[in-house]
Amino acid sequence: MNKLELTGTTTGTGYWTAAKDKKVSGHITFSLLESDGEAFAGNAQFHFNKEDWNVRELGLIYTDEGFLDSVYTALNRSGFKNILDHINYSEQGMQGDNYVDFDASIELVKEAKQLGFA
């Protein structure tokens, strides 16, 4: 499995940070959430380098529109076709000190697997 490396840029448009034009690098992981052997949802997490982003100082990247656009761009450049409406921020309580959590469609996670990223 290859890591999907990404450098994104915030626009300061999120509800939990005003950090504008802040570059954040890291990688995205994908997984399917399953129950009784049946996939019912997809998940993606962007694990950022702590040197780039300190949640306690800068807040959560969560809801920053520019950063989400960076994710779309990285996925597109990596060969993904199922992007728009297939990945978006998950709820606020799912965000972490070293990652941004996303809901992803099952189709997107399957595509990540086909492309060698899951």
PDB file of N, CA and C in Angstrom:
ATOM      1  N   MET A   1       0.844  -1.179   0.000  1.00  0.00           N
ATOM      2  CA  MET A   1       0.000   0.000   0.000  1.00  0.00           C
ATOM      3  C   MET A   1       0.892   1.245   0.000  1.00  0.00           C
ATOM      4  N   ASN A   2       0.607   2.148  -0.914  1.00  0.00           N
ATOM      5  CA  ASN A   2       1.322   3.419  -0.997  1.00  0.00           C
ATOM      6  C   ASN A   2       0.605   4.467  -0.161  1.00  0.00           C
ATOM      7  N   LYS A   3       1.360   5.391   0.394  1.00  0.00           N
ATOM      8  CA  LYS A   3       0.754   6.517   1.095  1.00  0.00           C
ATOM      9  C   LYS A   3       0.459   7.604   0.080  1.00  0.00           C
ATOM     10  N   LEU A   4      -0.699   8.200   0.206  1.00  0.00           N
ATOM     11  CA  LEU A   4      -1.043   9.326  -0.647  1.00  0.00           C
ATOM     12  C   LEU A   4      -0.584  10.592   0.063  1.00  0.00           C
ATOM     13  N   GLU A   5       0.583  11.081  -0.345  1.00  0.00           N
ATOM     14  CA  GLU A   5       1.165  12.274   0.267  1.00  0.00           C
ATOM     15  C   GLU A   5       0.423  13.511  -0.227  1.00  0.00           C
ATOM     16  N   LEU A   6       0.307  14.503   0.632  1.00  0.00           N
ATOM     17  CA  LEU A   6      -0.456  15.695   0.303  1.00  0.00           C
ATOM     18  C   LEU A   6       0.103  16.894   1.050  1.00  0.00           C
ATOM     19  N   THR A   7       0.185  18.011   0.370  1.00  0.00           N
ATOM     20  CA  THR A   7       0.417  19.289   1.032  1.00  0.00           C
ATOM     21  C   THR A   7      -0.777  20.152   0.693  1.00  0.00           C
ATOM     22  N   GLY A   8      -1.489  20.561   1.717  1.00  0.00           N
ATOM     23  CA  GLY A   8      -2.670  21.394   1.539  1.00  0.00           C
ATOM     24  C   GLY A   8      -2.417  22.785   2.092  1.00  0.00           C
ATOM     25  N   THR A   9      -3.286  23.700   1.738  1.00  0.00           N
ATOM     26  CA  THR A   9      -3.179  25.075   2.213  1.00  0.00           C
ATOM     27  C   THR A   9      -4.518  25.504   2.794  1.00  0.00           C
ATOM     28  N   THR A  10      -4.475  26.092   3.971  1.00  0.00           N
ATOM     29  CA  THR A  10      -5.697  26.578   4.590  1.00  0.00           C
ATOM     30  C   THR A  10      -6.009  27.990   4.088  1.00  0.00           C
ATOM     31  N   THR A  11      -7.289  28.328   4.144  1.00  0.00           N
ATOM     32  CA  THR A  11      -7.715  29.666   3.732  1.00  0.00           C
ATOM     33  C   THR A  11      -8.247  30.481   4.902  1.00  0.00           C
ATOM     34  N   GLY A  12      -8.294  29.862   6.078  1.00  0.00           N
ATOM     35  CA  GLY A  12      -8.810  30.561   7.248  1.00  0.00           C
ATOM     36  C   GLY A  12     -10.318  30.671   7.266  1.00  0.00           C
ATOM     37  N   THR A  13     -10.985  29.856   6.448  1.00  0.00           N
ATOM     38  CA  THR A  13     -12.446  29.919   6.345  1.00  0.00           C
ATOM     39  C   THR A  13     -13.144  28.941   7.271  1.00  0.00           C
ATOM     40  N   GLY A  14     -12.388  28.148   8.022  1.00  0.00           N
ATOM     41  CA  GLY A  14     -12.991  27.168   8.916  1.00  0.00           C
ATOM     42  C   GLY A  14     -13.550  27.807  10.175  1.00  0.00           C
ATOM     43  N   TYR A  15     -14.425  27.095  10.843  1.00  0.00           N
ATOM     44  CA  TYR A  15     -15.037  27.586  12.083  1.00  0.00           C
ATOM     45  C   TYR A  15     -14.079  27.530  13.264  1.00  0.00           C
ATOM     46  N   TRP A  16     -13.032  26.684  13.180  1.00  0.00           N
ATOM     47  CA  TRP A  16     -12.163  26.466  14.331  1.00  0.00           C
ATOM     48  C   TRP A  16     -10.746  26.968  14.138  1.00  0.00           C
ATOM     49  N   THR A  17     -10.466  27.645  13.035  1.00  0.00           N
ATOM     50  CA  THR A  17      -9.153  28.246  12.840  1.00  0.00           C
ATOM     51  C   THR A  17      -9.265  29.447  11.904  1.00  0.00           C
ATOM     52  N   ALA A  18      -8.416  30.409  12.149  1.00  0.00           N
ATOM     53  CA  ALA A  18      -8.332  31.571  11.261  1.00  0.00           C
ATOM     54  C   ALA A  18      -7.008  31.565  10.508  1.00  0.00           C
ATOM     55  N   ALA A  19      -6.241  30.469  10.629  1.00  0.00           N
ATOM     56  CA  ALA A  19      -4.927  30.380   9.984  1.00  0.00           C
ATOM     57  C   ALA A  19      -5.099  30.405   8.465  1.00  0.00           C
ATOM     58  N   LYS A  20      -4.570  31.453   7.862  1.00  0.00           N
ATOM     59  CA  LYS A  20      -4.717  31.657   6.422  1.00  0.00           C
ATOM     60  C   LYS A  20      -3.381  31.407   5.730  1.00  0.00           C
ATOM     61  N   ASP A  21      -3.447  30.752   4.569  1.00  0.00           N
ATOM     62  CA  ASP A  21      -2.265  30.463   3.752  1.00  0.00           C
ATOM     63  C   ASP A  21      -1.226  29.630   4.498  1.00  0.00           C
ATOM     64  N   LYS A  22      -1.694  28.771   5.388  1.00  0.00           N
ATOM     65  CA  LYS A  22      -0.811  27.888   6.154  1.00  0.00           C
ATOM     66  C   LYS A  22      -0.692  26.564   5.409  1.00  0.00           C
ATOM     67  N   LYS A  23       0.528  26.193   5.047  1.00  0.00           N
ATOM     68  CA  LYS A  23       0.761  24.917   4.361  1.00  0.00           C
ATOM     69  C   LYS A  23       0.847  23.800   5.389  1.00  0.00           C
ATOM     70  N   VAL A  24       0.187  22.691   5.072  1.00  0.00           N
ATOM     71  CA  VAL A  24       0.145  21.538   5.963  1.00  0.00           C
ATOM     72  C   VAL A  24       0.431  20.303   5.124  1.00  0.00           C
ATOM     73  N   SER A  25       1.430  19.521   5.510  1.00  0.00           N
ATOM     74  CA  SER A  25       1.765  18.315   4.755  1.00  0.00           C
ATOM     75  C   SER A  25       1.487  17.073   5.584  1.00  0.00           C
ATOM     76  N   GLY A  26       1.323  15.962   4.890  1.00  0.00           N
ATOM     77  CA  GLY A  26       1.061  14.685   5.542  1.00  0.00           C
ATOM     78  C   GLY A  26       0.609  13.654   4.522  1.00  0.00           C
ATOM     79  N   HIS A  27      -0.178  12.681   4.973  1.00  0.00           N
ATOM     80  CA  HIS A  27      -0.668  11.643   4.066  1.00  0.00           C
ATOM     81  C   HIS A  27      -2.098  11.245   4.442  1.00  0.00           C
ATOM     82  N   ILE A  28      -2.804  10.689   3.455  1.00  0.00           N
ATOM     83  CA  ILE A  28      -4.191  10.265   3.649  1.00  0.00           C
ATOM     84  C   ILE A  28      -4.239   8.747   3.709  1.00  0.00           C
ATOM     85  N   THR A  29      -5.019   8.227   4.661  1.00  0.00           N
ATOM     86  CA  THR A  29      -5.302   6.794   4.729  1.00  0.00           C
ATOM     87  C   THR A  29      -6.795   6.591   4.493  1.00  0.00           C
ATOM     88  N   PHE A  30      -7.150   5.454   3.940  1.00  0.00           N
ATOM     89  CA  PHE A  30      -8.536   5.127   3.622  1.00  0.00           C
ATOM     90  C   PHE A  30      -8.917   3.813   4.295  1.00  0.00           C
ATOM     91  N   SER A  31     -10.177   3.698   4.697  1.00  0.00           N
ATOM     92  CA  SER A  31     -10.655   2.422   5.243  1.00  0.00           C
ATOM     93  C   SER A  31     -12.162   2.318   5.048  1.00  0.00           C
ATOM     94  N   LEU A  32     -12.637   1.072   5.013  1.00  0.00           N
ATOM     95  CA  LEU A  32     -14.069   0.799   4.976  1.00  0.00           C
ATOM     96  C   LEU A  32     -14.505   0.432   6.377  1.00  0.00           C
ATOM     97  N   LEU A  33     -15.617   0.979   6.805  1.00  0.00           N
ATOM     98  CA  LEU A  33     -16.205   0.613   8.086  1.00  0.00           C
ATOM     99  C   LEU A  33     -17.205  -0.497   7.802  1.00  0.00           C
ATOM    100  N   GLU A  34     -17.127  -1.556   8.569  1.00  0.00           N
ATOM    101  CA  GLU A  34     -17.946  -2.733   8.285  1.00  0.00           C
ATOM    102  C   GLU A  34     -18.736  -3.181   9.502  1.00  0.00           C
ATOM    103  N   SER A  35     -19.844  -3.828   9.230  1.00  0.00           N
ATOM    104  CA  SER A  35     -20.667  -4.452  10.260  1.00  0.00           C
ATOM    105  C   SER A  35     -21.152  -5.770   9.696  1.00  0.00           C
ATOM    106  N   ASP A  36     -20.906  -6.843  10.413  1.00  0.00           N
ATOM    107  CA  ASP A  36     -21.302  -8.176   9.953  1.00  0.00           C
ATOM    108  C   ASP A  36     -20.770  -8.484   8.552  1.00  0.00           C
ATOM    109  N   GLY A  37     -19.559  -8.006   8.268  1.00  0.00           N
ATOM    110  CA  GLY A  37     -18.927  -8.294   6.987  1.00  0.00           C
ATOM    111  C   GLY A  37     -19.402  -7.427   5.836  1.00  0.00           C
ATOM    112  N   GLU A  38     -20.348  -6.544   6.085  1.00  0.00           N
ATOM    113  CA  GLU A  38     -20.874  -5.667   5.044  1.00  0.00           C
ATOM    114  C   GLU A  38     -20.333  -4.253   5.226  1.00  0.00           C
ATOM    115  N   ALA A  39     -19.775  -3.692   4.162  1.00  0.00           N
ATOM    116  CA  ALA A  39     -19.295  -2.311   4.228  1.00  0.00           C
ATOM    117  C   ALA A  39     -20.497  -1.376   4.261  1.00  0.00           C
ATOM    118  N   PHE A  40     -20.501  -0.450   5.213  1.00  0.00           N
ATOM    119  CA  PHE A  40     -21.609   0.490   5.287  1.00  0.00           C
ATOM    120  C   PHE A  40     -21.154   1.943   5.177  1.00  0.00           C
ATOM    121  N   ALA A  41     -19.879   2.182   5.249  1.00  0.00           N
ATOM    122  CA  ALA A  41     -19.373   3.554   5.115  1.00  0.00           C
ATOM    123  C   ALA A  41     -17.883   3.523   4.844  1.00  0.00           C
ATOM    124  N   GLY A  42     -17.392   4.615   4.297  1.00  0.00           N
ATOM    125  CA  GLY A  42     -15.968   4.770   4.080  1.00  0.00           C
ATOM    126  C   GLY A  42     -15.420   5.870   4.968  1.00  0.00           C
ATOM    127  N   ASN A  43     -14.117   5.821   5.178  1.00  0.00           N
ATOM    128  CA  ASN A  43     -13.463   6.800   6.016  1.00  0.00           C
ATOM    129  C   ASN A  43     -12.116   7.145   5.396  1.00  0.00           C
ATOM    130  N   ALA A  44     -11.715   8.394   5.555  1.00  0.00           N
ATOM    131  CA  ALA A  44     -10.382   8.829   5.151  1.00  0.00           C
ATOM    132  C   ALA A  44      -9.861   9.741   6.246  1.00  0.00           C
ATOM    133  N   GLN A  45      -8.571   9.654   6.505  1.00  0.00           N
ATOM    134  CA  GLN A  45      -7.948  10.528   7.486  1.00  0.00           C
ATOM    135  C   GLN A  45      -6.678  11.115   6.895  1.00  0.00           C
ATOM    136  N   PHE A  46      -6.555  12.430   7.040  1.00  0.00           N
ATOM    137  CA  PHE A  46      -5.330  13.106   6.657  1.00  0.00           C
ATOM    138  C   PHE A  46      -4.498  13.260   7.918  1.00  0.00           C
ATOM    139  N   HIS A  47      -3.392  12.540   7.979  1.00  0.00           N
ATOM    140  CA  HIS A  47      -2.471  12.586   9.120  1.00  0.00           C
ATOM    141  C   HIS A  47      -1.422  13.650   8.812  1.00  0.00           C
ATOM    142  N   PHE A  48      -1.492  14.764   9.534  1.00  0.00           N
ATOM    143  CA  PHE A  48      -0.586  15.864   9.230  1.00  0.00           C
ATOM    144  C   PHE A  48       0.650  15.821  10.112  1.00  0.00           C
ATOM    145  N   ASN A  49       1.716  16.410   9.579  1.00  0.00           N
ATOM    146  CA  ASN A  49       2.956  16.530  10.329  1.00  0.00           C
ATOM    147  C   ASN A  49       2.757  17.553  11.434  1.00  0.00           C
ATOM    148  N   LYS A  50       3.044  17.151  12.657  1.00  0.00           N
ATOM    149  CA  LYS A  50       2.840  18.051  13.797  1.00  0.00           C
ATOM    150  C   LYS A  50       3.715  19.298  13.721  1.00  0.00           C
ATOM    151  N   GLU A  51       4.806  19.226  12.961  1.00  0.00           N
ATOM    152  CA  GLU A  51       5.651  20.411  12.791  1.00  0.00           C
ATOM    153  C   GLU A  51       4.926  21.477  11.982  1.00  0.00           C
ATOM    154  N   ASP A  52       3.991  21.046  11.132  1.00  0.00           N
ATOM    155  CA  ASP A  52       3.247  21.974  10.281  1.00  0.00           C
ATOM    156  C   ASP A  52       2.033  22.571  10.988  1.00  0.00           C
ATOM    157  N   TRP A  53       1.422  21.787  11.872  1.00  0.00           N
ATOM    158  CA  TRP A  53       0.144  22.221  12.442  1.00  0.00           C
ATOM    159  C   TRP A  53       0.045  21.774  13.894  1.00  0.00           C
ATOM    160  N   ASN A  54      -0.184  22.720  14.787  1.00  0.00           N
ATOM    161  CA  ASN A  54      -0.396  22.435  16.195  1.00  0.00           C
ATOM    162  C   ASN A  54      -1.837  22.811  16.526  1.00  0.00           C
ATOM    163  N   VAL A  55      -2.660  21.810  16.788  1.00  0.00           N
ATOM    164  CA  VAL A  55      -4.087  22.021  17.035  1.00  0.00           C
ATOM    165  C   VAL A  55      -4.322  22.950  18.211  1.00  0.00           C
ATOM    166  N   ARG A  56      -3.512  22.836  19.253  1.00  0.00           N
ATOM    167  CA  ARG A  56      -3.704  23.672  20.437  1.00  0.00           C
ATOM    168  C   ARG A  56      -3.452  25.161  20.145  1.00  0.00           C
ATOM    169  N   GLU A  57      -2.535  25.430  19.228  1.00  0.00           N
ATOM    170  CA  GLU A  57      -2.231  26.817  18.877  1.00  0.00           C
ATOM    171  C   GLU A  57      -3.100  27.345  17.734  1.00  0.00           C
ATOM    172  N   LEU A  58      -3.327  26.505  16.728  1.00  0.00           N
ATOM    173  CA  LEU A  58      -3.988  26.958  15.507  1.00  0.00           C
ATOM    174  C   LEU A  58      -5.452  26.540  15.405  1.00  0.00           C
ATOM    175  N   GLY A  59      -5.891  25.603  16.236  1.00  0.00           N
ATOM    176  CA  GLY A  59      -7.255  25.091  16.141  1.00  0.00           C
ATOM    177  C   GLY A  59      -7.350  23.935  15.166  1.00  0.00           C
ATOM    178  N   LEU A  60      -8.556  23.522  14.883  1.00  0.00           N
ATOM    179  CA  LEU A  60      -8.794  22.403  13.967  1.00  0.00           C
ATOM    180  C   LEU A  60      -8.845  22.888  12.522  1.00  0.00           C
ATOM    181  N   ILE A  61      -8.277  22.112  11.628  1.00  0.00           N
ATOM    182  CA  ILE A  61      -8.366  22.406  10.196  1.00  0.00           C
ATOM    183  C   ILE A  61      -9.812  22.193   9.721  1.00  0.00           C
ATOM    184  N   TYR A  62     -10.518  21.368  10.419  1.00  0.00           N
ATOM    185  CA  TYR A  62     -11.904  21.002  10.127  1.00  0.00           C
ATOM    186  C   TYR A  62     -12.730  22.193   9.629  1.00  0.00           C
ATOM    187  N   THR A  63     -13.403  22.024   8.543  1.00  0.00           N
ATOM    188  CA  THR A  63     -14.309  22.951   7.835  1.00  0.00           C
ATOM    189  C   THR A  63     -13.598  24.011   6.992  1.00  0.00           C
ATOM    190  N   ASP A  64     -12.272  24.020   6.930  1.00  0.00           N
ATOM    191  CA  ASP A  64     -11.576  24.976   6.078  1.00  0.00           C
ATOM    192  C   ASP A  64     -11.782  24.581   4.614  1.00  0.00           C
ATOM    193  N   GLU A  65     -12.468  25.426   3.858  1.00  0.00           N
ATOM    194  CA  GLU A  65     -12.819  25.114   2.474  1.00  0.00           C
ATOM    195  C   GLU A  65     -11.601  24.978   1.573  1.00  0.00           C
ATOM    196  N   GLY A  66     -10.609  25.815   1.785  1.00  0.00           N
ATOM    197  CA  GLY A  66      -9.399  25.750   0.969  1.00  0.00           C
ATOM    198  C   GLY A  66      -8.638  24.454   1.158  1.00  0.00           C
ATOM    199  N   PHE A  67      -8.590  23.983   2.403  1.00  0.00           N
ATOM    200  CA  PHE A  67      -7.897  22.728   2.645  1.00  0.00           C
ATOM    201  C   PHE A  67      -8.635  21.572   1.967  1.00  0.00           C
ATOM    202  N   LEU A  68      -9.970  21.576   2.035  1.00  0.00           N
ATOM    203  CA  LEU A  68     -10.744  20.528   1.361  1.00  0.00           C
ATOM    204  C   LEU A  68     -10.500  20.567  -0.144  1.00  0.00           C
ATOM    205  N   ASP A  69     -10.397  21.761  -0.722  1.00  0.00           N
ATOM    206  CA  ASP A  69     -10.063  21.873  -2.142  1.00  0.00           C
ATOM    207  C   ASP A  69      -8.690  21.270  -2.432  1.00  0.00           C
ATOM    208  N   SER A  70      -7.737  21.428  -1.501  1.00  0.00           N
ATOM    209  CA  SER A  70      -6.408  20.819  -1.666  1.00  0.00           C
ATOM    210  C   SER A  70      -6.514  19.295  -1.693  1.00  0.00           C
ATOM    211  N   VAL A  71      -7.398  18.753  -0.878  1.00  0.00           N
ATOM    212  CA  VAL A  71      -7.614  17.300  -0.860  1.00  0.00           C
ATOM    213  C   VAL A  71      -8.185  16.857  -2.204  1.00  0.00           C
ATOM    214  N   TYR A  72      -9.200  17.582  -2.696  1.00  0.00           N
ATOM    215  CA  TYR A  72      -9.776  17.249  -4.011  1.00  0.00           C
ATOM    216  C   TYR A  72      -8.701  17.255  -5.093  1.00  0.00           C
ATOM    217  N   THR A  73      -7.865  18.287  -5.086  1.00  0.00           N
ATOM    218  CA  THR A  73      -6.811  18.420  -6.091  1.00  0.00           C
ATOM    219  C   THR A  73      -5.826  17.259  -6.008  1.00  0.00           C
ATOM    220  N   ALA A  74      -5.409  16.898  -4.796  1.00  0.00           N
ATOM    221  CA  ALA A  74      -4.461  15.784  -4.620  1.00  0.00           C
ATOM    222  C   ALA A  74      -5.064  14.473  -5.100  1.00  0.00           C
ATOM    223  N   LEU A  75      -6.327  14.242  -4.786  1.00  0.00           N
ATOM    224  CA  LEU A  75      -6.986  13.012  -5.239  1.00  0.00           C
ATOM    225  C   LEU A  75      -7.078  12.987  -6.760  1.00  0.00           C
ATOM    226  N   ASN A  76      -7.456  14.089  -7.349  1.00  0.00           N
ATOM    227  CA  ASN A  76      -7.566  14.177  -8.805  1.00  0.00           C
ATOM    228  C   ASN A  76      -6.225  13.899  -9.465  1.00  0.00           C
ATOM    229  N   ARG A  77      -5.160  14.509  -8.960  1.00  0.00           N
ATOM    230  CA  ARG A  77      -3.819  14.312  -9.532  1.00  0.00           C
ATOM    231  C   ARG A  77      -3.322  12.878  -9.364  1.00  0.00           C
ATOM    232  N   SER A  78      -3.862  12.188  -8.374  1.00  0.00           N
ATOM    233  CA  SER A  78      -3.451  10.798  -8.118  1.00  0.00           C
ATOM    234  C   SER A  78      -4.292   9.792  -8.886  1.00  0.00           C
ATOM    235  N   GLY A  79      -5.200  10.270  -9.731  1.00  0.00           N
ATOM    236  CA  GLY A  79      -5.960   9.382 -10.596  1.00  0.00           C
ATOM    237  C   GLY A  79      -7.365   9.047 -10.128  1.00  0.00           C
ATOM    238  N   PHE A  80      -7.822   9.640  -9.046  1.00  0.00           N
ATOM    239  CA  PHE A  80      -9.176   9.363  -8.554  1.00  0.00           C
ATOM    240  C   PHE A  80     -10.211  10.019  -9.466  1.00  0.00           C
ATOM    241  N   LYS A  81     -11.298   9.304  -9.703  1.00  0.00           N
ATOM    242  CA  LYS A  81     -12.409   9.831 -10.505  1.00  0.00           C
ATOM    243  C   LYS A  81     -13.582  10.217  -9.612  1.00  0.00           C
ATOM    244  N   ASN A  82     -13.815   9.443  -8.534  1.00  0.00           N
ATOM    245  CA  ASN A  82     -14.935   9.691  -7.613  1.00  0.00           C
ATOM    246  C   ASN A  82     -14.483  10.635  -6.511  1.00  0.00           C
ATOM    247  N   ILE A  83     -14.641  11.944  -6.740  1.00  0.00           N
ATOM    248  CA  ILE A  83     -14.145  12.897  -5.745  1.00  0.00           C
ATOM    249  C   ILE A  83     -15.289  13.733  -5.174  1.00  0.00           C
ATOM    250  N   LEU A  84     -15.828  14.634  -5.981  1.00  0.00           N
ATOM    251  CA  LEU A  84     -16.886  15.516  -5.491  1.00  0.00           C
ATOM    252  C   LEU A  84     -18.062  14.691  -4.989  1.00  0.00           C
ATOM    253  N   ASP A  85     -18.598  15.075  -3.878  1.00  0.00           N
ATOM    254  CA  ASP A  85     -19.698  14.370  -3.209  1.00  0.00           C
ATOM    255  C   ASP A  85     -19.288  12.987  -2.702  1.00  0.00           C
ATOM    256  N   HIS A  86     -17.995  12.666  -2.750  1.00  0.00           N
ATOM    257  CA  HIS A  86     -17.526  11.366  -2.264  1.00  0.00           C
ATOM    258  C   HIS A  86     -16.607  11.491  -1.062  1.00  0.00           C
ATOM    259  N   ILE A  87     -16.208  12.713  -0.729  1.00  0.00           N
ATOM    260  CA  ILE A  87     -15.389  12.937   0.463  1.00  0.00           C
ATOM    261  C   ILE A  87     -15.698  14.329   1.009  1.00  0.00           C
ATOM    262  N   ASN A  88     -15.865  14.381   2.325  1.00  0.00           N
ATOM    263  CA  ASN A  88     -16.116  15.645   2.993  1.00  0.00           C
ATOM    264  C   ASN A  88     -15.763  15.479   4.466  1.00  0.00           C
ATOM    265  N   TYR A  89     -15.616  16.588   5.158  1.00  0.00           N
ATOM    266  CA  TYR A  89     -15.294  16.518   6.579  1.00  0.00           C
ATOM    267  C   TYR A  89     -16.351  15.715   7.330  1.00  0.00           C
ATOM    268  N   SER A  90     -15.911  14.898   8.269  1.00  0.00           N
ATOM    269  CA  SER A  90     -16.845  14.208   9.157  1.00  0.00           C
ATOM    270  C   SER A  90     -17.213  15.173  10.283  1.00  0.00           C
ATOM    271  N   GLU A  91     -17.914  14.700  11.271  1.00  0.00           N
ATOM    272  CA  GLU A  91     -18.349  15.599  12.341  1.00  0.00           C
ATOM    273  C   GLU A  91     -17.179  16.095  13.188  1.00  0.00           C
ATOM    274  N   GLN A  92     -17.384  17.200  13.876  1.00  0.00           N
ATOM    275  CA  GLN A  92     -16.330  17.870  14.633  1.00  0.00           C
ATOM    276  C   GLN A  92     -15.690  16.952  15.665  1.00  0.00           C
ATOM    277  N   GLY A  93     -16.458  16.140  16.340  1.00  0.00           N
ATOM    278  CA  GLY A  93     -15.932  15.271  17.388  1.00  0.00           C
ATOM    279  C   GLY A  93     -15.008  14.172  16.897  1.00  0.00           C
ATOM    280  N   MET A  94     -14.937  13.969  15.588  1.00  0.00           N
ATOM    281  CA  MET A  94     -14.078  12.931  15.010  1.00  0.00           C
ATOM    282  C   MET A  94     -12.672  13.435  14.699  1.00  0.00           C
ATOM    283  N   GLN A  95     -12.435  14.733  14.822  1.00  0.00           N
ATOM    284  CA  GLN A  95     -11.132  15.301  14.481  1.00  0.00           C
ATOM    285  C   GLN A  95     -10.127  15.013  15.598  1.00  0.00           C
ATOM    286  N   GLY A  96      -8.852  14.916  15.234  1.00  0.00           N
ATOM    287  CA  GLY A  96      -7.837  14.570  16.222  1.00  0.00           C
ATOM    288  C   GLY A  96      -6.714  15.589  16.316  1.00  0.00           C
ATOM    289  N   ASP A  97      -5.793  15.340  17.235  1.00  0.00           N
ATOM    290  CA  ASP A  97      -4.637  16.218  17.427  1.00  0.00           C
ATOM    291  C   ASP A  97      -3.622  16.114  16.301  1.00  0.00           C
ATOM    292  N   ASN A  98      -3.692  15.028  15.520  1.00  0.00           N
ATOM    293  CA  ASN A  98      -2.730  14.864  14.435  1.00  0.00           C
ATOM    294  C   ASN A  98      -3.376  14.390  13.134  1.00  0.00           C
ATOM    295  N   TYR A  99      -4.696  14.526  13.023  1.00  0.00           N
ATOM    296  CA  TYR A  99      -5.357  14.155  11.777  1.00  0.00           C
ATOM    297  C   TYR A  99      -6.664  14.922  11.598  1.00  0.00           C
ATOM    298  N   VAL A 100      -7.061  14.994  10.332  1.00  0.00           N
ATOM    299  CA  VAL A 100      -8.365  15.535   9.939  1.00  0.00           C
ATOM    300  C   VAL A 100      -9.170  14.336   9.463  1.00  0.00           C
ATOM    301  N   ASP A 101     -10.373  14.161   9.997  1.00  0.00           N
ATOM    302  CA  ASP A 101     -11.201  13.013   9.655  1.00  0.00           C
ATOM    303  C   ASP A 101     -12.224  13.393   8.590  1.00  0.00           C
ATOM    304  N   PHE A 102     -12.404  12.489   7.626  1.00  0.00           N
ATOM    305  CA  PHE A 102     -13.347  12.688   6.534  1.00  0.00           C
ATOM    306  C   PHE A 102     -14.283  11.490   6.415  1.00  0.00           C
ATOM    307  N   ASP A 103     -15.531  11.773   6.047  1.00  0.00           N
ATOM    308  CA  ASP A 103     -16.413  10.721   5.574  1.00  0.00           C
ATOM    309  C   ASP A 103     -16.081  10.536   4.106  1.00  0.00           C
ATOM    310  N   ALA A 104     -15.992   9.293   3.681  1.00  0.00           N
ATOM    311  CA  ALA A 104     -15.695   8.994   2.282  1.00  0.00           C
ATOM    312  C   ALA A 104     -16.704   7.961   1.797  1.00  0.00           C
ATOM    313  N   SER A 105     -17.049   8.035   0.543  1.00  0.00           N
ATOM    314  CA  SER A 105     -17.974   7.046   0.001  1.00  0.00           C
ATOM    315  C   SER A 105     -17.283   5.692  -0.117  1.00  0.00           C
ATOM    316  N   ILE A 106     -18.077   4.653  -0.124  1.00  0.00           N
ATOM    317  CA  ILE A 106     -17.539   3.308  -0.328  1.00  0.00           C
ATOM    318  C   ILE A 106     -16.837   3.248  -1.677  1.00  0.00           C
ATOM    319  N   GLU A 107     -17.403   3.929  -2.689  1.00  0.00           N
ATOM    320  CA  GLU A 107     -16.798   3.946  -4.022  1.00  0.00           C
ATOM    321  C   GLU A 107     -15.403   4.574  -3.989  1.00  0.00           C
ATOM    322  N   LEU A 108     -15.252   5.644  -3.226  1.00  0.00           N
ATOM    323  CA  LEU A 108     -13.942   6.305  -3.143  1.00  0.00           C
ATOM    324  C   LEU A 108     -12.913   5.395  -2.478  1.00  0.00           C
ATOM    325  N   VAL A 109     -13.311   4.704  -1.419  1.00  0.00           N
ATOM    326  CA  VAL A 109     -12.376   3.811  -0.734  1.00  0.00           C
ATOM    327  C   VAL A 109     -12.007   2.635  -1.634  1.00  0.00           C
ATOM    328  N   LYS A 110     -12.974   2.119  -2.379  1.00  0.00           N
ATOM    329  CA  LYS A 110     -12.671   1.038  -3.328  1.00  0.00           C
ATOM    330  C   LYS A 110     -11.719   1.515  -4.413  1.00  0.00           C
ATOM    331  N   GLU A 111     -11.924   2.738  -4.866  1.00  0.00           N
ATOM    332  CA  GLU A 111     -11.022   3.322  -5.859  1.00  0.00           C
ATOM    333  C   GLU A 111      -9.616   3.492  -5.278  1.00  0.00           C
ATOM    334  N   ALA A 112      -9.547   3.912  -4.002  1.00  0.00           N
ATOM    335  CA  ALA A 112      -8.238   4.046  -3.344  1.00  0.00           C
ATOM    336  C   ALA A 112      -7.528   2.689  -3.303  1.00  0.00           C
ATOM    337  N   LYS A 113      -8.283   1.648  -3.056  1.00  0.00           N
ATOM    338  CA  LYS A 113      -7.693   0.301  -3.037  1.00  0.00           C
ATOM    339  C   LYS A 113      -7.183  -0.081  -4.422  1.00  0.00           C
ATOM    340  N   GLN A 114      -7.979   0.186  -5.456  1.00  0.00           N
ATOM    341  CA  GLN A 114      -7.556  -0.130  -6.826  1.00  0.00           C
ATOM    342  C   GLN A 114      -6.295   0.642  -7.223  1.00  0.00           C
ATOM    343  N   LEU A 115      -6.164   1.865  -6.718  1.00  0.00           N
ATOM    344  CA  LEU A 115      -5.006   2.696  -7.047  1.00  0.00           C
ATOM    345  C   LEU A 115      -3.798   2.428  -6.128  1.00  0.00           C
ATOM    346  N   GLY A 116      -3.973   1.525  -5.159  1.00  0.00           N
ATOM    347  CA  GLY A 116      -2.867   1.142  -4.283  1.00  0.00           C
ATOM    348  C   GLY A 116      -2.706   2.007  -3.046  1.00  0.00           C
ATOM    349  N   PHE A 117      -3.754   2.754  -2.684  1.00  0.00           N
ATOM    350  CA  PHE A 117      -3.680   3.642  -1.515  1.00  0.00           C
ATOM    351  C   PHE A 117      -4.482   3.134  -0.328  1.00  0.00           C
ATOM    352  N   ALA A 118      -5.022   1.940  -0.399  1.00  0.00           N
ATOM    353  CA  ALA A 118      -5.783   1.375   0.739  1.00  0.00           C
ATOM    354  C   ALA A 118      -5.588  -0.116   0.796  1.00  0.00           C
TER     355      ALA A 118
END
